């Protein structure tokens, strides 16, 4: 494999339009073992892999080779006018996206790509109602409220509002609206998201939801008066994949308090700030095997882990040390909002006051921790406890909570904003402890039967993470005897019964369950790693 500069006489460089298609970028070539192919590296982070084939020479390619290209690169597009086949890899922050580019008639770089996408969406028609485009978009899992599509949706809305007639989506309007979102939309409509058959997947999710809804066991928590006001019939499930595909069913817009679901989030922020070594000077990492609000420490006089009350109270003293209570709360709220993609995150003062008025057990834990010198130097126990009560009173909905869970599933990057919120170290540690300690004294059974990181709260919330796939937020107030949502646990069990999401479902010789994930994902990782070695 060798490099050389771009020129018309380069072997295999038989593109009819020559180098003027790429006048604005500097290129270097990597020749592959395939005779008629080469790789162009563009210095603005686009890697173009072109298989240049004259139409007259198509028969020289073996059927096996052509089938392989078509199978591995479904965006293959043959343009008889430009006499070439082009496959384009756009190298973004973490993955490779396949796009096809064919030059003709002096159009812009992505003009033909947009045309191809337009006719894919319209199924060959020259124009369709705007509602057809919106419906097609939703079937891929993308929401019209997705921040990544804001510019596209704003332009579309402007065009609709400026017209006195029903607006039809034609090529001109399509080009006008989608220009900045071409890569995302190609991923969506060419089934390159992590769950390509999203329609059928969410159909099964809805079936599970309806099955679980019939479960009327459990009782709403009454020891915090404000929580007792929620109806036991409330039941919602939202999911968000690492590509930002969304689905919600049930009471998913109703705000509820995170309660103990905030524990993994505050721990992740503490690790993100201070690092693993410092945080675990003050708190352990072992399951306690005891009730979550037990006055009990490990052999080193530390709370067993950050997922029990004692551990969470100590962790709250490690966030923004030296800052006042208002600054600490604003800082944590901003973190949670970023994890939720700036979707709904609120605060329930009524719950906060209820927590303080009925928090005798937590006050007892706080004084016990103070006696055992569990807090870092300079930390005030009452301030740490007050901050802990505030964090438990933060409100989300199932929809915003699912984005938070998806941020953990995506290694700390929010899938709908692309913003890195947490370090990879913080996410790895958090998921590890959620897996072993996240479900109170049901954690062992959860790890055994469900095999996924999860955290529950006495508000009825269950935050579930399927690493590298999606985050789920379930909410139903009735709890079982250990404080977990009855319907939430039931949903998790049914989910793993239907799909091979359990951590050990992919072992050889196991009975195969449905795998909704894109089947070529491992090949994509290998392609990316190969490119990184160039």
Protein backbone atom coordinates (compact mmCIF):
# COMPACT_ATOMS: atom_id res chain seq x y z
CA UNK A 1 0.00 0.00 0.00
CA UNK A 2 1.54 3.35 -0.97
CA UNK A 3 0.73 7.04 -1.31
CA UNK A 4 0.90 9.45 -4.21
CA UNK A 5 -0.57 12.78 -5.26
CA UNK A 6 -3.82 13.12 -7.15
CA UNK A 7 -3.48 13.45 -10.94
CA UNK A 8 -5.47 12.51 -14.03
CA UNK A 9 -2.98 9.89 -15.14
CA UNK A 10 -3.09 7.93 -11.92
CA UNK A 11 -3.77 4.27 -12.64
CA UNK A 12 -7.40 3.47 -12.09
CA UNK A 13 -8.35 7.15 -11.97
CA UNK A 14 -10.93 7.02 -14.74
CA UNK A 15 -13.59 9.29 -13.22
CA UNK A 16 -15.05 11.21 -16.17
CA UNK A 17 -15.18 14.50 -14.27
CA UNK A 18 -11.61 14.28 -13.05
CA UNK A 19 -10.25 16.05 -9.98
CA UNK A 20 -12.48 19.15 -10.26
CA UNK A 21 -15.07 17.25 -8.21
CA UNK A 22 -12.75 17.65 -5.26
CA UNK A 23 -11.16 21.08 -5.90
CA UNK A 24 -11.73 22.35 -2.37
CA UNK A 25 -9.91 19.63 -0.48
CA UNK A 26 -6.43 18.24 -0.34
CA UNK A 27 -6.18 14.53 -0.84
CA UNK A 28 -3.79 11.65 -0.63
CA UNK A 29 -4.41 8.13 -1.86
CA UNK A 30 -4.05 4.71 -0.37
CA UNK A 31 -4.20 2.03 -3.03
CA UNK A 32 -5.88 -1.19 -1.95
CA UNK A 33 -5.35 -4.70 -3.18
CA UNK A 34 -8.46 -4.39 -5.35
CA UNK A 35 -7.21 -3.43 -8.84
CA UNK A 36 -9.83 -0.78 -9.60
CA UNK A 37 -10.20 0.77 -6.20
CA UNK A 38 -8.47 3.38 -4.12
CA UNK A 39 -8.95 5.20 -0.86
CA UNK A 40 -8.89 8.99 -0.65
CA UNK A 41 -8.21 10.65 2.68
CA UNK A 42 -9.65 14.17 2.92
CA UNK A 43 -8.11 16.43 5.54
CA UNK A 44 -11.49 17.60 6.87
CA UNK A 45 -12.25 14.18 8.32
CA UNK A 46 -13.92 12.53 5.37
CA UNK A 47 -12.55 9.25 4.12
CA UNK A 48 -13.82 8.38 0.66
CA UNK A 49 -13.49 4.85 -0.60
CA UNK A 50 -14.19 4.84 -4.34
CA UNK A 51 -14.58 1.75 -6.46
CA UNK A 52 -14.22 3.25 -9.92
CA UNK A 53 -15.63 1.04 -12.62
CA UNK A 54 -16.31 1.90 -16.26
CA UNK A 55 -19.69 0.56 -17.27
CA UNK A 56 -17.98 -1.30 -20.07
CA UNK A 57 -15.73 -3.06 -17.59
CA UNK A 58 -18.46 -4.13 -15.16
CA UNK A 59 -18.37 -7.65 -16.55
CA UNK A 60 -14.71 -7.94 -15.57
CA UNK A 61 -15.74 -7.96 -11.90
CA UNK A 62 -16.65 -11.39 -10.65
CA UNK A 63 -20.19 -11.91 -9.43
CA UNK A 64 -18.82 -12.96 -6.03
CA UNK A 65 -16.90 -9.70 -5.69
CA UNK A 66 -19.89 -7.61 -6.79
CA UNK A 67 -22.23 -9.49 -4.44
CA UNK A 68 -19.78 -8.89 -1.60
CA UNK A 69 -19.65 -5.16 -2.33
CA UNK A 70 -23.44 -4.92 -2.52
CA UNK A 71 -23.85 -6.92 0.69
CA UNK A 72 -21.34 -4.96 2.76
CA UNK A 73 -22.14 -1.55 1.29
CA UNK A 74 -25.91 -1.27 0.78
CA UNK A 75 -25.54 2.37 -0.21
CA UNK A 76 -23.90 1.33 -3.46
CA UNK A 77 -25.15 3.59 -6.26
CA UNK A 78 -24.31 3.18 -9.95
CA UNK A 79 -24.55 6.32 -12.07
CA UNK A 80 -24.37 5.52 -15.75
CA UNK A 81 -23.54 9.15 -16.66
CA UNK A 82 -20.50 9.41 -14.43
CA UNK A 83 -19.58 5.77 -15.12
CA UNK A 84 -18.49 5.07 -11.61
CA UNK A 85 -19.50 3.44 -8.40
CA UNK A 86 -18.60 5.37 -5.27
CA UNK A 87 -18.71 4.41 -1.64
CA UNK A 88 -17.99 7.08 0.92
CA UNK A 89 -17.06 6.63 4.57
CA UNK A 90 -17.50 9.70 6.74
CA UNK A 91 -15.26 9.45 9.74
CA UNK A 92 -16.98 11.09 12.70
CA UNK A 93 -16.11 10.96 16.39
CA UNK A 94 -16.78 7.30 17.06
CA UNK A 95 -18.00 5.48 13.98
CA UNK A 96 -18.07 5.23 10.22
CA UNK A 97 -21.13 6.10 8.16
CA UNK A 98 -21.62 4.87 4.60
CA UNK A 99 -22.66 7.39 1.97
CA UNK A 100 -22.49 7.23 -1.82
CA UNK A 101 -21.26 10.10 -3.92
CA UNK A 102 -21.46 10.34 -7.71
CA UNK A 103 -20.41 13.47 -9.58
CA UNK A 104 -22.22 14.77 -12.63
CA UNK A 105 -23.18 18.05 -14.26
CA UNK A 106 -21.22 20.15 -11.78
CA UNK A 107 -23.58 19.59 -8.85
CA UNK A 108 -22.47 20.06 -5.24
CA UNK A 109 -20.64 17.28 -3.41
CA UNK A 110 -23.75 15.90 -1.70
CA UNK A 111 -26.30 16.84 -4.38
CA UNK A 112 -26.64 13.36 -5.85
CA UNK A 113 -26.60 11.83 -2.39
CA UNK A 114 -29.58 13.98 -1.44
CA UNK A 115 -31.38 13.00 -4.66
CA UNK A 116 -30.84 9.34 -3.93
CA UNK A 117 -32.12 9.77 -0.38
CA UNK A 118 -35.13 11.76 -1.57
CA UNK A 119 -36.24 9.03 -3.98
CA UNK A 120 -35.63 6.39 -1.32
CA UNK A 121 -38.01 8.19 1.04
CA UNK A 122 -40.63 8.99 -1.62
CA UNK A 123 -40.33 5.52 -3.19
CA UNK A 124 -39.57 7.04 -6.59
CA UNK A 125 -42.29 9.70 -6.60
CA UNK A 126 -41.37 13.27 -7.57
CA UNK A 127 -43.28 14.77 -4.68
CA UNK A 128 -45.10 13.60 -1.56
CA UNK A 129 -47.00 15.34 1.24
CA UNK A 130 -44.78 16.68 4.02
CA UNK A 131 -46.66 14.36 6.38
CA UNK A 132 -45.29 11.40 4.38
CA UNK A 133 -41.73 12.56 5.09
CA UNK A 134 -42.50 13.08 8.81
CA UNK A 135 -44.11 9.63 9.07
CA UNK A 136 -41.16 8.00 7.32
CA UNK A 137 -38.81 9.80 9.71
CA UNK A 138 -40.70 8.58 12.77
CA UNK A 139 -40.59 4.98 11.53
CA UNK A 140 -36.80 5.09 11.72
CA UNK A 141 -37.07 6.06 15.40
CA UNK A 142 -36.13 9.73 15.00
CA UNK A 143 -38.32 12.35 16.68
CA UNK A 144 -39.12 15.64 14.96
CA UNK A 145 -38.07 17.28 18.25
CA UNK A 146 -34.57 15.76 18.01
CA UNK A 147 -32.04 18.60 18.55
CA UNK A 148 -29.96 17.29 15.65
CA UNK A 149 -32.90 17.90 13.30
CA UNK A 150 -33.78 21.36 14.60
CA UNK A 151 -32.46 23.24 11.57
CA UNK A 152 -34.21 20.85 9.17
CA UNK A 153 -37.53 21.02 11.03
CA UNK A 154 -37.34 24.83 11.37
CA UNK A 155 -36.92 25.23 7.59
CA UNK A 156 -39.72 22.78 6.93
CA UNK A 157 -42.03 24.57 9.34
CA UNK A 158 -41.16 27.92 7.77
CA UNK A 159 -42.00 26.61 4.30
CA UNK A 160 -45.33 25.26 5.52
CA UNK A 161 -46.27 28.48 7.32
CA UNK A 162 -45.37 30.64 4.31
CA UNK A 163 -47.59 28.67 1.93
CA UNK A 164 -51.33 29.20 1.43
CA UNK A 165 -51.74 25.67 0.05
CA UNK A 166 -50.87 22.18 1.20
CA UNK A 167 -47.09 21.91 0.97
CA UNK A 168 -45.65 19.01 -0.99
CA UNK A 169 -42.16 17.73 -0.37
CA UNK A 170 -40.28 17.84 -3.69
CA UNK A 171 -36.57 17.68 -4.45
CA UNK A 172 -36.10 21.43 -4.11
CA UNK A 173 -37.70 21.60 -0.66
CA UNK A 174 -35.90 18.43 0.38
CA UNK A 175 -32.50 19.85 -0.62
CA UNK A 176 -33.31 23.08 1.18
CA UNK A 177 -34.24 21.36 4.44
CA UNK A 178 -31.93 18.36 4.83
CA UNK A 179 -28.55 19.76 3.80
CA UNK A 180 -27.10 19.88 7.31
CA UNK A 181 -28.56 16.51 8.32
CA UNK A 182 -27.66 14.39 5.32
CA UNK A 183 -25.42 11.95 7.21
CA UNK A 184 -27.95 11.40 10.02
CA UNK A 185 -30.82 10.89 7.57
CA UNK A 186 -28.83 8.47 5.41
CA UNK A 187 -28.07 6.44 8.51
CA UNK A 188 -31.75 6.45 9.40
CA UNK A 189 -33.27 5.57 6.05
CA UNK A 190 -30.57 3.09 5.05
CA UNK A 191 -31.10 1.19 8.32
CA UNK A 192 -27.66 1.97 9.75
CA UNK A 193 -28.88 2.69 13.27
CA UNK A 194 -28.20 0.20 16.04
CA UNK A 195 -31.79 -1.11 15.75
CA UNK A 196 -32.50 -1.06 12.01
CA UNK A 197 -35.99 -2.63 12.11
CA UNK A 198 -37.22 -0.17 14.69
CA UNK A 199 -40.92 -0.52 13.84
CA UNK A 200 -41.01 -4.25 14.57
CA UNK A 201 -38.85 -3.81 17.67
CA UNK A 202 -41.15 -1.23 19.29
CA UNK A 203 -44.16 -3.32 18.33
CA UNK A 204 -42.75 -6.03 20.60
CA UNK A 205 -42.01 -3.42 23.28
CA UNK A 206 -45.66 -2.35 23.18
CA UNK A 207 -46.75 -5.98 23.60
CA UNK A 208 -44.54 -6.32 26.67
CA UNK A 209 -45.90 -3.05 28.04
CA UNK A 210 -49.50 -4.26 27.66
CA UNK A 211 -48.70 -7.60 29.29
CA UNK A 212 -47.00 -5.93 32.26
CA UNK A 213 -49.82 -3.40 32.67
CA UNK A 214 -52.07 -6.23 33.89
CA UNK A 215 -49.79 -6.77 36.91
CA UNK A 216 -51.54 -5.07 39.84
CA UNK A 217 -49.27 -6.28 42.65
CA UNK A 218 -47.38 -4.00 45.02
CA UNK A 219 -48.18 -0.85 46.99
CA UNK A 220 -47.32 2.83 46.53
CA UNK A 221 -44.66 4.12 48.98
CA UNK A 222 -46.29 5.96 51.89
CA UNK A 223 -43.34 6.78 54.16
CA UNK A 224 -42.71 9.94 52.09
CA UNK A 225 -46.13 11.65 52.12
CA UNK A 226 -45.79 13.33 48.73
CA UNK A 227 -45.10 9.98 46.99
CA UNK A 228 -48.27 8.49 48.43
CA UNK A 229 -50.36 10.85 46.26
CA UNK A 230 -49.50 9.07 42.99
CA UNK A 231 -52.03 6.72 41.42
CA UNK A 232 -51.03 3.03 41.33
CA UNK A 233 -52.40 2.86 37.77
CA UNK A 234 -49.70 5.14 36.33
CA UNK A 235 -47.39 3.16 34.05
CA UNK A 236 -44.95 4.42 31.42
CA UNK A 237 -41.95 3.15 29.45
CA UNK A 238 -39.59 5.19 27.28
CA UNK A 239 -36.46 4.09 25.46
CA UNK A 240 -33.69 5.89 23.64
CA UNK A 241 -31.00 4.10 21.62
CA UNK A 242 -27.39 5.18 21.30
CA UNK A 243 -28.31 6.57 17.87
CA UNK A 244 -31.13 8.65 19.33
CA UNK A 245 -34.03 6.45 18.22
CA UNK A 246 -36.96 7.10 20.56
CA UNK A 247 -40.12 5.32 21.62
CA UNK A 248 -42.57 5.97 24.45
CA UNK A 249 -45.77 4.31 25.59
CA UNK A 250 -48.03 5.05 28.51
CA UNK A 251 -47.69 7.84 31.09
CA UNK A 252 -44.30 9.00 29.85
CA UNK A 253 -44.79 12.78 30.15
CA UNK A 254 -45.79 12.70 33.84
CA UNK A 255 -42.99 14.12 36.05
CA UNK A 256 -41.76 12.02 38.98
CA UNK A 257 -38.81 12.26 41.37
CA UNK A 258 -35.65 10.31 40.72
CA UNK A 259 -35.27 9.30 44.37
CA UNK A 260 -32.57 6.59 44.47
CA UNK A 261 -32.18 6.64 40.67
CA UNK A 262 -30.07 9.74 41.25
CA UNK A 263 -27.44 7.72 43.13
CA UNK A 264 -25.62 6.35 40.06
CA UNK A 265 -25.75 9.83 38.50
CA UNK A 266 -24.16 11.61 41.47
CA UNK A 267 -21.57 8.83 41.73
CA UNK A 268 -20.75 9.21 38.02
CA UNK A 269 -20.31 12.97 38.46
CA UNK A 270 -18.05 12.42 41.49
CA UNK A 271 -15.85 9.98 39.52
CA UNK A 272 -15.86 12.33 36.53
CA UNK A 273 -14.63 15.15 38.81
CA UNK A 274 -12.32 13.45 41.30
CA UNK A 275 -11.41 10.08 39.80
CA UNK A 276 -11.86 6.52 41.04
CA UNK A 277 -9.05 6.43 43.59
CA UNK A 278 -10.18 9.51 45.53
CA UNK A 279 -13.88 8.63 45.58
CA UNK A 280 -13.28 5.09 46.81
CA UNK A 281 -11.21 6.28 49.75
CA UNK A 282 -14.58 7.17 51.26
CA UNK A 283 -16.97 4.53 49.91
CA UNK A 284 -16.64 0.84 49.05
CA UNK A 285 -17.75 -1.12 46.00
CA UNK A 286 -19.25 -4.28 47.50
CA UNK A 287 -22.95 -5.25 47.68
CA UNK A 288 -24.10 -4.97 51.29
CA UNK A 289 -26.74 -7.71 51.27
CA UNK A 290 -28.74 -5.44 53.58
CA UNK A 291 -31.66 -3.06 53.34
CA UNK A 292 -30.74 0.17 51.52
CA UNK A 293 -31.23 2.42 54.60
CA UNK A 294 -29.46 0.22 57.15
CA UNK A 295 -27.10 1.82 59.71
CA UNK A 296 -24.15 -0.37 58.82
CA UNK A 297 -20.62 0.07 57.45
CA UNK A 298 -18.03 -2.32 56.08
CA UNK A 299 -14.92 -3.58 57.89
CA UNK A 300 -13.04 -0.38 56.98
CA UNK A 301 -15.81 1.80 58.41
CA UNK A 302 -16.91 2.92 54.96
CA UNK A 303 -20.35 2.66 53.36
CA UNK A 304 -20.51 -0.55 51.35
CA UNK A 305 -21.22 1.14 47.99
CA UNK A 306 -22.63 4.36 46.49
CA UNK A 307 -26.04 2.77 45.75
CA UNK A 308 -27.16 2.56 49.40
CA UNK A 309 -28.22 5.63 51.40
CA UNK A 310 -25.05 5.83 53.50
CA UNK A 311 -22.85 5.71 50.39
CA UNK A 312 -24.93 8.28 48.51
CA UNK A 313 -24.82 10.71 51.46
CA UNK A 314 -21.01 10.49 51.56
CA UNK A 315 -20.80 10.89 47.76
CA UNK A 316 -22.90 14.07 48.00
CA UNK A 317 -20.15 15.59 50.16
CA UNK A 318 -17.54 14.92 47.43
CA UNK A 319 -19.26 16.93 44.67
CA UNK A 320 -17.94 20.49 44.30
CA UNK A 321 -16.25 20.57 47.74
CA UNK A 322 -15.90 24.09 49.09
CA UNK A 323 -18.91 25.41 47.13
CA UNK A 324 -22.08 26.58 48.80
CA UNK A 325 -25.30 24.57 48.61
CA UNK A 326 -26.82 26.64 45.80
CA UNK A 327 -23.71 26.29 43.62
CA UNK A 328 -23.56 22.53 44.22
CA UNK A 329 -27.23 22.07 43.34
CA UNK A 330 -26.99 24.17 40.16
CA UNK A 331 -23.87 22.27 39.14
CA UNK A 332 -25.57 18.88 39.57
CA UNK A 333 -28.75 20.05 37.83
CA UNK A 334 -26.73 21.21 34.84
CA UNK A 335 -25.01 17.82 34.64
CA UNK A 336 -28.30 15.95 34.73
CA UNK A 337 -29.82 18.26 32.12
CA UNK A 338 -26.87 17.58 29.80
CA UNK A 339 -27.32 13.84 30.32
CA UNK A 340 -31.00 14.25 29.44
CA UNK A 341 -30.22 16.16 26.25
CA UNK A 342 -31.74 19.33 27.76
CA UNK A 343 -35.14 17.64 27.97
CA UNK A 344 -37.35 18.00 31.05
CA UNK A 345 -35.51 18.05 34.37
CA UNK A 346 -37.26 19.79 37.26
CA UNK A 347 -37.36 19.95 41.04
CA UNK A 348 -40.16 19.03 43.46
CA UNK A 349 -39.95 21.27 46.50
CA UNK A 350 -42.91 19.39 48.02
CA UNK A 351 -40.94 16.12 47.88
CA UNK A 352 -37.84 17.86 49.24
CA UNK A 353 -39.77 19.15 52.26
CA UNK A 354 -41.35 15.72 52.78
CA UNK A 355 -37.91 14.10 52.68
CA UNK A 356 -36.59 16.45 55.38
CA UNK A 357 -39.66 16.16 57.60
CA UNK A 358 -39.76 12.34 57.52
CA UNK A 359 -36.02 11.65 57.13
CA UNK A 360 -35.23 10.46 60.66
CA UNK A 361 -33.54 7.32 59.37
CA UNK A 362 -31.32 9.34 57.01
CA UNK A 363 -30.46 11.78 59.80
CA UNK A 364 -29.50 8.78 61.94
CA UNK A 365 -27.30 7.47 59.12
CA UNK A 366 -25.74 10.94 58.76
CA UNK A 367 -24.80 11.19 62.42
CA UNK A 368 -23.48 7.63 62.38
CA UNK A 369 -21.26 8.52 59.40
CA UNK A 370 -20.09 11.64 61.19
CA UNK A 371 -19.22 9.62 64.32
CA UNK A 372 -17.20 7.17 62.21
CA UNK A 373 -15.43 10.10 60.43
CA UNK A 374 -16.64 8.95 57.00
CA UNK A 375 -16.81 12.44 55.50
CA UNK A 376 -13.82 14.21 53.88
CA UNK A 377 -12.13 16.96 55.87
CA UNK A 378 -14.12 20.18 55.86
CA UNK A 379 -17.42 18.59 54.82
CA UNK A 380 -20.49 19.34 56.94
CA UNK A 381 -22.78 16.39 57.55
CA UNK A 382 -25.98 18.49 57.60
CA UNK A 383 -25.03 20.16 54.31
CA UNK A 384 -24.30 16.76 52.70
CA UNK A 385 -27.64 15.40 53.92
CA UNK A 386 -29.52 18.47 52.71
CA UNK A 387 -27.89 18.15 49.29
CA UNK A 388 -28.77 14.45 49.20
CA UNK A 389 -32.44 15.26 49.89
CA UNK A 390 -32.35 17.85 47.08
CA UNK A 391 -30.92 15.38 44.59
CA UNK A 392 -33.56 12.76 45.43
CA UNK A 393 -36.22 15.42 44.74
CA UNK A 394 -35.07 16.14 41.16
CA UNK A 395 -37.86 15.41 38.70
CA UNK A 396 -37.72 13.80 35.26
CA UNK A 397 -40.19 12.11 32.94
CA UNK A 398 -39.82 8.67 31.40
CA UNK A 399 -38.82 10.41 28.15
CA UNK A 400 -36.03 12.56 29.61
CA UNK A 401 -34.95 9.72 31.91
CA UNK A 402 -34.49 7.37 28.95
CA UNK A 403 -32.04 9.84 27.38
CA UNK A 404 -30.07 9.89 30.64
CA UNK A 405 -29.93 6.09 30.57
CA UNK A 406 -28.90 6.18 26.88
CA UNK A 407 -26.05 8.56 27.75
CA UNK A 408 -24.71 5.87 30.08
CA UNK A 409 -25.30 3.22 27.39
CA UNK A 410 -23.37 5.42 24.94
CA UNK A 411 -20.27 5.69 27.10
CA UNK A 412 -21.04 9.14 28.48
CA UNK A 413 -22.02 10.82 25.19
CA UNK A 414 -25.59 12.10 24.97
CA UNK A 415 -27.07 10.45 21.84
CA UNK A 416 -29.35 13.35 20.86
CA UNK A 417 -26.83 16.18 21.31
CA UNK A 418 -23.50 14.44 20.68
CA UNK A 419 -22.07 16.13 23.78
CA UNK A 420 -19.64 14.19 25.97
CA UNK A 421 -21.07 14.55 29.45
CA UNK A 422 -19.18 11.91 31.45
CA UNK A 423 -15.78 10.29 31.13
CA UNK A 424 -15.53 6.68 30.00
CA UNK A 425 -14.04 5.81 33.40
CA UNK A 426 -17.04 7.28 35.21
CA UNK A 427 -19.50 5.37 33.02
CA UNK A 428 -17.69 2.05 33.34
CA UNK A 429 -17.55 2.31 37.15
CA UNK A 430 -21.18 3.41 37.38
CA UNK A 431 -22.51 0.58 35.22
CA UNK A 432 -20.43 -1.94 37.17
CA UNK A 433 -21.96 -0.85 40.48
CA UNK A 434 -25.47 -0.60 39.03
CA UNK A 435 -25.10 -4.20 37.88
CA UNK A 436 -23.95 -5.51 41.27
CA UNK A 437 -25.68 -3.17 43.73
CA UNK A 438 -28.35 -1.13 41.92
CA UNK A 439 -31.55 -2.93 42.89
CA UNK A 440 -31.33 -2.95 46.69
CA UNK A 441 -31.32 -6.51 48.10
CA UNK A 442 -32.80 -7.77 44.83
CA UNK A 443 -29.52 -6.94 43.03
CA UNK A 444 -28.29 -10.53 42.85
CA UNK A 445 -31.53 -11.80 41.37
CA UNK A 446 -31.58 -8.90 38.91
CA UNK A 447 -28.03 -9.70 37.78
CA UNK A 448 -28.93 -13.37 37.48
CA UNK A 449 -32.23 -13.08 35.62
CA UNK A 450 -31.84 -9.80 33.68
CA UNK A 451 -28.07 -9.43 33.47
CA UNK A 452 -28.07 -5.66 32.84
CA UNK A 453 -27.10 -2.58 34.87
CA UNK A 454 -30.15 -1.00 36.50
CA UNK A 455 -31.17 1.30 39.35
CA UNK A 456 -34.53 1.63 41.05
CA UNK A 457 -36.13 4.31 43.20
CA UNK A 458 -39.04 4.30 45.65
CA UNK A 459 -40.93 6.70 43.36
CA UNK A 460 -41.47 3.63 41.14
CA UNK A 461 -38.71 4.39 38.64
CA UNK A 462 -36.37 1.80 37.13
CA UNK A 463 -33.47 3.10 35.06
CA UNK A 464 -32.15 0.29 32.81
CA UNK A 465 -29.04 0.37 30.60
CA UNK A 466 -28.33 -1.95 27.67
CA UNK A 467 -24.67 -1.01 27.00
CA UNK A 468 -23.94 0.13 23.44
CA UNK A 469 -27.63 -0.29 22.54
CA UNK A 470 -30.11 1.81 24.52
CA UNK A 471 -31.36 3.24 27.79
CA UNK A 472 -34.81 2.59 29.25
CA UNK A 473 -36.81 4.38 31.93
CA UNK A 474 -39.79 2.55 33.39
CA UNK A 475 -42.11 4.15 35.92
CA UNK A 476 -44.94 2.66 37.95
CA UNK A 477 -45.46 3.67 41.62
CA UNK A 478 -46.52 0.31 43.19
CA UNK A 479 -43.48 -1.28 44.88
CA UNK A 480 -42.59 -4.79 46.02
CA UNK A 481 -41.40 -5.62 49.54
CA UNK A 482 -37.80 -4.52 48.88
CA UNK A 483 -38.76 -1.16 47.31
CA UNK A 484 -38.56 -1.89 43.57
CA UNK A 485 -41.30 -1.09 41.06
CA UNK A 486 -43.29 -4.28 40.47
CA UNK A 487 -44.11 -3.42 36.86
CA UNK A 488 -40.60 -2.08 36.26
CA UNK A 489 -38.98 -5.36 37.31
CA UNK A 490 -41.55 -7.35 35.33
CA UNK A 491 -40.85 -5.30 32.20
CA UNK A 492 -37.08 -5.85 32.49
CA UNK A 493 -37.59 -9.59 32.84
CA UNK A 494 -39.93 -9.76 29.85
CA UNK A 495 -37.53 -7.64 27.76
CA UNK A 496 -34.64 -10.03 28.35
CA UNK A 497 -36.90 -13.04 27.81
CA UNK A 498 -37.68 -11.74 24.31
CA UNK A 499 -34.32 -10.24 23.26
CA UNK A 500 -30.76 -11.38 23.81
CA UNK A 501 -29.79 -8.36 25.93
CA UNK A 502 -28.65 -10.37 28.99
CA UNK A 503 -24.93 -9.93 29.50
CA UNK A 504 -24.31 -13.63 28.77
CA UNK A 505 -26.93 -14.30 26.11
CA UNK A 506 -24.31 -14.34 23.35
CA UNK A 507 -22.37 -17.31 24.68
CA UNK A 508 -22.15 -20.19 22.24
CA UNK A 509 -24.63 -23.06 22.45
CA UNK A 510 -27.27 -20.99 24.24
CA UNK A 511 -30.80 -20.95 22.88
CA UNK A 512 -30.92 -17.99 20.53
CA UNK A 513 -33.36 -15.18 21.28
CA UNK A 514 -34.19 -12.27 19.02
CA UNK A 515 -31.35 -9.84 18.40
CA UNK A 516 -32.73 -6.51 17.14
CA UNK A 517 -29.29 -4.99 16.72
CA UNK A 518 -27.69 -4.28 13.37
CA UNK A 519 -25.99 -7.50 12.37
CA UNK A 520 -22.96 -5.92 10.67
CA UNK A 521 -21.98 -3.85 13.74
CA UNK A 522 -18.89 -5.98 14.45
CA UNK A 523 -17.74 -5.61 10.85
CA UNK A 524 -18.14 -1.84 11.16
CA UNK A 525 -15.92 -1.83 14.26
CA UNK A 526 -13.29 -3.87 12.44
CA UNK A 527 -13.44 -1.51 9.44
CA UNK A 528 -12.96 1.46 11.73
CA UNK A 529 -10.03 -0.18 13.54
CA UNK A 530 -8.43 -1.02 10.16
CA UNK A 531 -8.73 2.59 9.09
CA UNK A 532 -7.19 3.79 12.37
CA UNK A 533 -4.13 1.62 11.64
CA UNK A 534 -3.54 3.30 8.25
